[in-house]
C-alpha atoms as a PDB file:
ATOM      1  CA  UNK A   1       7.131  35.788 -25.638  1.00  0.00           C
ATOM      2  CA  UNK A   2       4.102  37.790 -26.610  1.00  0.00           C
ATOM      3  CA  UNK A   3       3.101  39.068 -23.167  1.00  0.00           C
ATOM      4  CA  UNK A   4       3.258  42.704 -24.260  1.00  0.00           C
ATOM      5  CA  UNK A   5      -0.035  42.103 -26.047  1.00  0.00           C
ATOM      6  CA  UNK A   6      -1.768  41.874 -22.668  1.00  0.00           C
ATOM      7  CA  UNK A   7      -2.830  45.290 -21.413  1.00  0.00           C
ATOM      8  CA  UNK A   8      -1.565  46.476 -18.043  1.00  0.00           C
ATOM      9  CA  UNK A   9      -5.116  46.238 -16.688  1.00  0.00           C
ATOM     10  CA  UNK A  10      -5.581  42.645 -17.818  1.00  0.00           C
ATOM     11  CA  UNK A  11      -7.512  43.459 -20.962  1.00  0.00           C
ATOM     12  CA  UNK A  12      -7.167  41.451 -24.153  1.00  0.00           C
ATOM     13  CA  UNK A  13      -8.044  42.590 -27.645  1.00  0.00           C
ATOM     14  CA  UNK A  14      -7.343  41.430 -31.149  1.00  0.00           C
ATOM     15  CA  UNK A  15      -5.276  38.295 -31.676  1.00  0.00           C
ATOM     16  CA  UNK A  16      -4.746  37.430 -27.976  1.00  0.00           C
ATOM     17  CA  UNK A  17      -8.495  37.520 -27.348  1.00  0.00           C
ATOM     18  CA  UNK A  18      -9.219  35.483 -30.492  1.00  0.00           C
ATOM     19  CA  UNK A  19      -6.632  32.890 -29.508  1.00  0.00           C
ATOM     20  CA  UNK A  20      -8.074  32.578 -26.011  1.00  0.00           C
ATOM     21  CA  UNK A  21     -11.586  32.118 -27.408  1.00  0.00           C
ATOM     22  CA  UNK A  22     -10.432  29.486 -29.895  1.00  0.00           C
ATOM     23  CA  UNK A  23      -8.613  27.671 -27.094  1.00  0.00           C
ATOM     24  CA  UNK A  24     -11.745  27.693 -24.925  1.00  0.00           C
ATOM     25  CA  UNK A  25     -13.809  26.287 -27.801  1.00  0.00           C
ATOM     26  CA  UNK A  26     -11.162  23.681 -28.628  1.00  0.00           C
ATOM     27  CA  UNK A  27     -10.947  22.577 -24.988  1.00  0.00           C
ATOM     28  CA  UNK A  28     -14.759  22.357 -24.797  1.00  0.00           C
ATOM     29  CA  UNK A  29     -14.825  20.153 -27.893  1.00  0.00           C
ATOM     30  CA  UNK A  30     -12.036  17.900 -26.619  1.00  0.00           C
ATOM     31  CA  UNK A  31     -13.700  17.713 -23.207  1.00  0.00           C
ATOM     32  CA  UNK A  32     -16.920  16.473 -24.800  1.00  0.00           C
ATOM     33  CA  UNK A  33     -15.091  13.753 -26.675  1.00  0.00           C
ATOM     34  CA  UNK A  34     -15.561  15.466 -30.042  1.00  0.00           C
ATOM     35  CA  UNK A  35     -18.820  13.601 -30.716  1.00  0.00           C
ATOM     36  CA  UNK A  36     -21.444  15.345 -32.831  1.00  0.00           C
ATOM     37  CA  UNK A  37     -21.693  18.898 -34.009  1.00  0.00           C
ATOM     38  CA  UNK A  38     -23.610  20.215 -31.002  1.00  0.00           C
ATOM     39  CA  UNK A  39     -21.243  18.841 -28.364  1.00  0.00           C
ATOM     40  CA  UNK A  40     -18.564  21.258 -27.318  1.00  0.00           C
ATOM     41  CA  UNK A  41     -20.704  24.225 -28.335  1.00  0.00           C
ATOM     42  CA  UNK A  42     -20.439  27.278 -26.108  1.00  0.00           C
ATOM     43  CA  UNK A  43     -22.547  30.396 -25.944  1.00  0.00           C
ATOM     44  CA  UNK A  44     -21.088  33.879 -25.951  1.00  0.00           C
ATOM     45  CA  UNK A  45     -22.044  34.104 -22.278  1.00  0.00           C
ATOM     46  CA  UNK A  46     -20.039  30.926 -21.524  1.00  0.00           C
ATOM     47  CA  UNK A  47     -17.034  32.309 -23.400  1.00  0.00           C
ATOM     48  CA  UNK A  48     -17.197  35.622 -21.533  1.00  0.00           C
ATOM     49  CA  UNK A  49     -17.366  33.711 -18.238  1.00  0.00           C
ATOM     50  CA  UNK A  50     -14.376  31.592 -19.282  1.00  0.00           C
ATOM     51  CA  UNK A  51     -12.353  34.674 -20.183  1.00  0.00           C
ATOM     52  CA  UNK A  52     -13.231  36.391 -16.914  1.00  0.00           C
ATOM     53  CA  UNK A  53     -12.302  33.238 -14.993  1.00  0.00           C
ATOM     54  CA  UNK A  54      -8.905  33.387 -16.703  1.00  0.00           C
ATOM     55  CA  UNK A  55      -8.467  36.959 -15.471  1.00  0.00           C
ATOM     56  CA  UNK A  56      -9.416  38.966 -18.547  1.00  0.00           C
ATOM     57  CA  UNK A  57     -10.913  42.372 -17.806  1.00  0.00           C
ATOM     58  CA  UNK A  58     -13.292  43.731 -20.432  1.00  0.00           C
ATOM     59  CA  UNK A  59     -13.372  47.506 -20.812  1.00  0.00           C
ATOM     60  CA  UNK A  60     -16.343  47.592 -23.157  1.00  0.00           C
ATOM     61  CA  UNK A  61     -19.304  45.299 -23.711  1.00  0.00           C
ATOM     62  CA  UNK A  62     -17.827  41.846 -23.317  1.00  0.00           C
ATOM     63  CA  UNK A  63     -20.382  40.099 -25.506  1.00  0.00           C
ATOM     64  CA  UNK A  64     -19.711  42.526 -28.357  1.00  0.00           C
ATOM     65  CA  UNK A  65     -15.941  42.019 -28.176  1.00  0.00           C
ATOM     66  CA  UNK A  66     -16.330  38.243 -28.066  1.00  0.00           C
ATOM     67  CA  UNK A  67     -18.793  38.057 -30.954  1.00  0.00           C
ATOM     68  CA  UNK A  68     -16.666  40.391 -33.093  1.00  0.00           C
ATOM     69  CA  UNK A  69     -13.587  38.279 -32.408  1.00  0.00           C
ATOM     70  CA  UNK A  70     -15.436  35.083 -33.220  1.00  0.00           C
ATOM     71  CA  UNK A  71     -16.706  36.558 -36.490  1.00  0.00           C
ATOM     72  CA  UNK A  72     -13.075  36.783 -37.619  1.00  0.00           C
ATOM     73  CA  UNK A  73     -12.435  33.183 -36.600  1.00  0.00           C
ATOM     74  CA  UNK A  74     -15.568  32.013 -38.454  1.00  0.00           C
ATOM     75  CA  UNK A  75     -14.172  33.592 -41.628  1.00  0.00           C
ATOM     76  CA  UNK A  76     -10.844  31.803 -41.024  1.00  0.00           C
ATOM     77  CA  UNK A  77     -12.693  28.493 -40.673  1.00  0.00           C
ATOM     78  CA  UNK A  78     -11.494  27.713 -37.159  1.00  0.00           C
ATOM     79  CA  UNK A  79     -14.888  28.287 -35.546  1.00  0.00           C
ATOM     80  CA  UNK A  80     -18.400  27.474 -36.723  1.00  0.00           C
ATOM     81  CA  UNK A  81     -21.497  29.425 -35.768  1.00  0.00           C
ATOM     82  CA  UNK A  82     -24.338  27.037 -34.917  1.00  0.00           C
ATOM     83  CA  UNK A  83     -26.974  29.592 -33.950  1.00  0.00           C
ATOM     84  CA  UNK A  84     -27.179  33.138 -32.717  1.00  0.00           C
ATOM     85  CA  UNK A  85     -24.580  33.398 -29.952  1.00  0.00           C
ATOM     86  CA  UNK A  86     -23.593  29.693 -30.102  1.00  0.00           C
ATOM     87  CA  UNK A  87     -20.196  28.649 -31.462  1.00  0.00           C
ATOM     88  CA  UNK A  88     -18.165  25.446 -31.758  1.00  0.00           C
ATOM     89  CA  UNK A  89     -14.566  24.739 -32.725  1.00  0.00           C
ATOM     90  CA  UNK A  90     -14.457  23.672 -36.394  1.00  0.00           C
ATOM     91  CA  UNK A  91     -10.952  22.745 -37.505  1.00  0.00           C
ATOM     92  CA  UNK A  92      -7.382  23.930 -37.534  1.00  0.00           C
ATOM     93  CA  UNK A  93      -4.025  22.340 -38.320  1.00  0.00           C
ATOM     94  CA  UNK A  94      -2.287  20.736 -35.341  1.00  0.00           C
ATOM     95  CA  UNK A  95       0.545  23.252 -35.603  1.00  0.00           C
ATOM     96  CA  UNK A  96      -1.935  26.136 -35.373  1.00  0.00           C
ATOM     97  CA  UNK A  97      -3.615  24.632 -32.319  1.00  0.00           C
ATOM     98  CA  UNK A  98      -0.179  24.126 -30.743  1.00  0.00           C
ATOM     99  CA  UNK A  99       0.782  27.754 -31.421  1.00  0.00           C
ATOM    100  CA  UNK A 100      -2.528  29.013 -30.006  1.00  0.00           C
ATOM    101  CA  UNK A 101      -2.087  26.923 -26.842  1.00  0.00           C
ATOM    102  CA  UNK A 102       1.505  28.123 -26.381  1.00  0.00           C
ATOM    103  CA  UNK A 103       0.647  31.791 -26.794  1.00  0.00           C
ATOM    104  CA  UNK A 104      -2.451  31.666 -24.623  1.00  0.00           C
ATOM    105  CA  UNK A 105      -0.384  30.006 -21.904  1.00  0.00           C
ATOM    106  CA  UNK A 106       1.927  33.029 -22.021  1.00  0.00           C
ATOM    107  CA  UNK A 107      -1.060  35.391 -21.889  1.00  0.00           C
ATOM    108  CA  UNK A 108      -2.480  33.528 -18.887  1.00  0.00           C
ATOM    109  CA  UNK A 109       0.837  33.798 -17.042  1.00  0.00           C
ATOM    110  CA  UNK A 110       0.814  37.569 -17.604  1.00  0.00           C
ATOM    111  CA  UNK A 111      -2.813  37.796 -16.453  1.00  0.00           C
ATOM    112  CA  UNK A 112      -1.901  35.912 -13.261  1.00  0.00           C
ATOM    113  CA  UNK A 113       0.943  38.377 -12.619  1.00  0.00           C
ATOM    114  CA  UNK A 114      -1.477  41.287 -13.009  1.00  0.00           C
ATOM    115  CA  UNK A 115      -4.021  39.631 -10.699  1.00  0.00           C
ATOM    116  CA  UNK A 116      -1.344  39.026  -8.038  1.00  0.00           C
ATOM    117  CA  UNK A 117      -0.174  42.644  -8.305  1.00  0.00           C
ATOM    118  CA  UNK A 118      -3.756  43.838  -7.792  1.00  0.00           C
ATOM    119  CA  UNK A 119      -4.236  41.613  -4.752  1.00  0.00           C
ATOM    120  CA  UNK A 120      -0.953  42.789  -3.251  1.00  0.00           C
ATOM    121  CA  UNK A 121      -1.894  46.420  -3.836  1.00  0.00           C
ATOM    122  CA  UNK A 122      -5.302  45.857  -2.259  1.00  0.00           C
ATOM    123  CA  UNK A 123      -3.673  44.314   0.811  1.00  0.00           C
ATOM    124  CA  UNK A 124      -1.396  47.325   1.136  1.00  0.00           C
ATOM    125  CA  UNK A 125      -4.294  49.741   0.707  1.00  0.00           C
ATOM    126  CA  UNK A 126      -3.146  51.240  -2.580  1.00  0.00           C
ATOM    127  CA  UNK A 127      -5.649  52.383  -5.149  1.00  0.00           C
ATOM    128  CA  UNK A 128      -3.258  52.357  -8.122  1.00  0.00           C
ATOM    129  CA  UNK A 129      -1.583  49.162  -9.223  1.00  0.00           C
ATOM    130  CA  UNK A 130       1.812  49.265 -10.920  1.00  0.00           C
ATOM    131  CA  UNK A 131       1.748  46.580 -13.588  1.00  0.00           C
ATOM    132  CA  UNK A 132       4.007  48.327 -16.049  1.00  0.00           C
ATOM    133  CA  UNK A 133       5.777  46.006 -18.456  1.00  0.00           C
ATOM    134  CA  UNK A 134       9.465  45.326 -18.091  1.00  0.00           C
ATOM    135  CA  UNK A 135      11.875  47.554 -20.078  1.00  0.00           C
ATOM    136  CA  UNK A 136      12.517  44.778 -22.605  1.00  0.00           C
ATOM    137  CA  UNK A 137       8.800  44.507 -23.299  1.00  0.00           C
ATOM    138  CA  UNK A 138       8.612  48.281 -23.758  1.00  0.00           C
ATOM    139  CA  UNK A 139      11.415  48.024 -26.286  1.00  0.00           C
ATOM    140  CA  UNK A 140       9.514  45.297 -28.121  1.00  0.00           C
ATOM    141  CA  UNK A 141       6.483  47.578 -28.352  1.00  0.00           C
ATOM    142  CA  UNK A 142       8.504  50.302 -30.027  1.00  0.00           C
ATOM    143  CA  UNK A 143       9.880  47.967 -32.696  1.00  0.00           C
ATOM    144  CA  UNK A 144       7.912  47.738 -35.943  1.00  0.00           C
ATOM    145  CA  UNK A 145       5.857  44.580 -36.217  1.00  0.00           C
ATOM    146  CA  UNK A 146       6.330  42.377 -39.244  1.00  0.00           C
ATOM    147  CA  UNK A 147       3.430  40.433 -40.686  1.00  0.00           C
END
C-alpha cells in the first residue's frame, strides 16, 4: 500500500495528486463516452472541486498545485491541454491506468479514514485530531525509496 504518501491532514502532493487528477480526467472522458476531443474536458476549477469532494485538503493555492501537477502529466503525454485551464485525458497504457486506479483507491481510503477521525474529534469537542500513521507506515517512510 502507498497510504503513507497521504499527509496526516489529508493533503496530497506529487505523485498521489497527479494520479488523482489523471483518474478524474480519465473518468470524465469515459463518462462522456470518449467522443470528440472536447468531451471529457475539465477545467482546473472542476478538478479542484473533484479533489476536495474526495477529501483532499489543499494547504496552498489549489489551482496552482493542480496546474503544476497537470503540467507534468502533459509532458508525459497522459493529459492534453486544450486551452488555458482546460485539460482532457489523452492516452495511457491499460496497465498504467489500472495502476493509477488501484493507487488512488488506496489514497481515497486513507482520506476517508482522516475525514472520519476529524468528524469523531469534532463530536468529542477536540481541537487536535490524531491521524498519525501506523508504526508500519512510519517504518516505510524511513526506508530509502527506490526509483
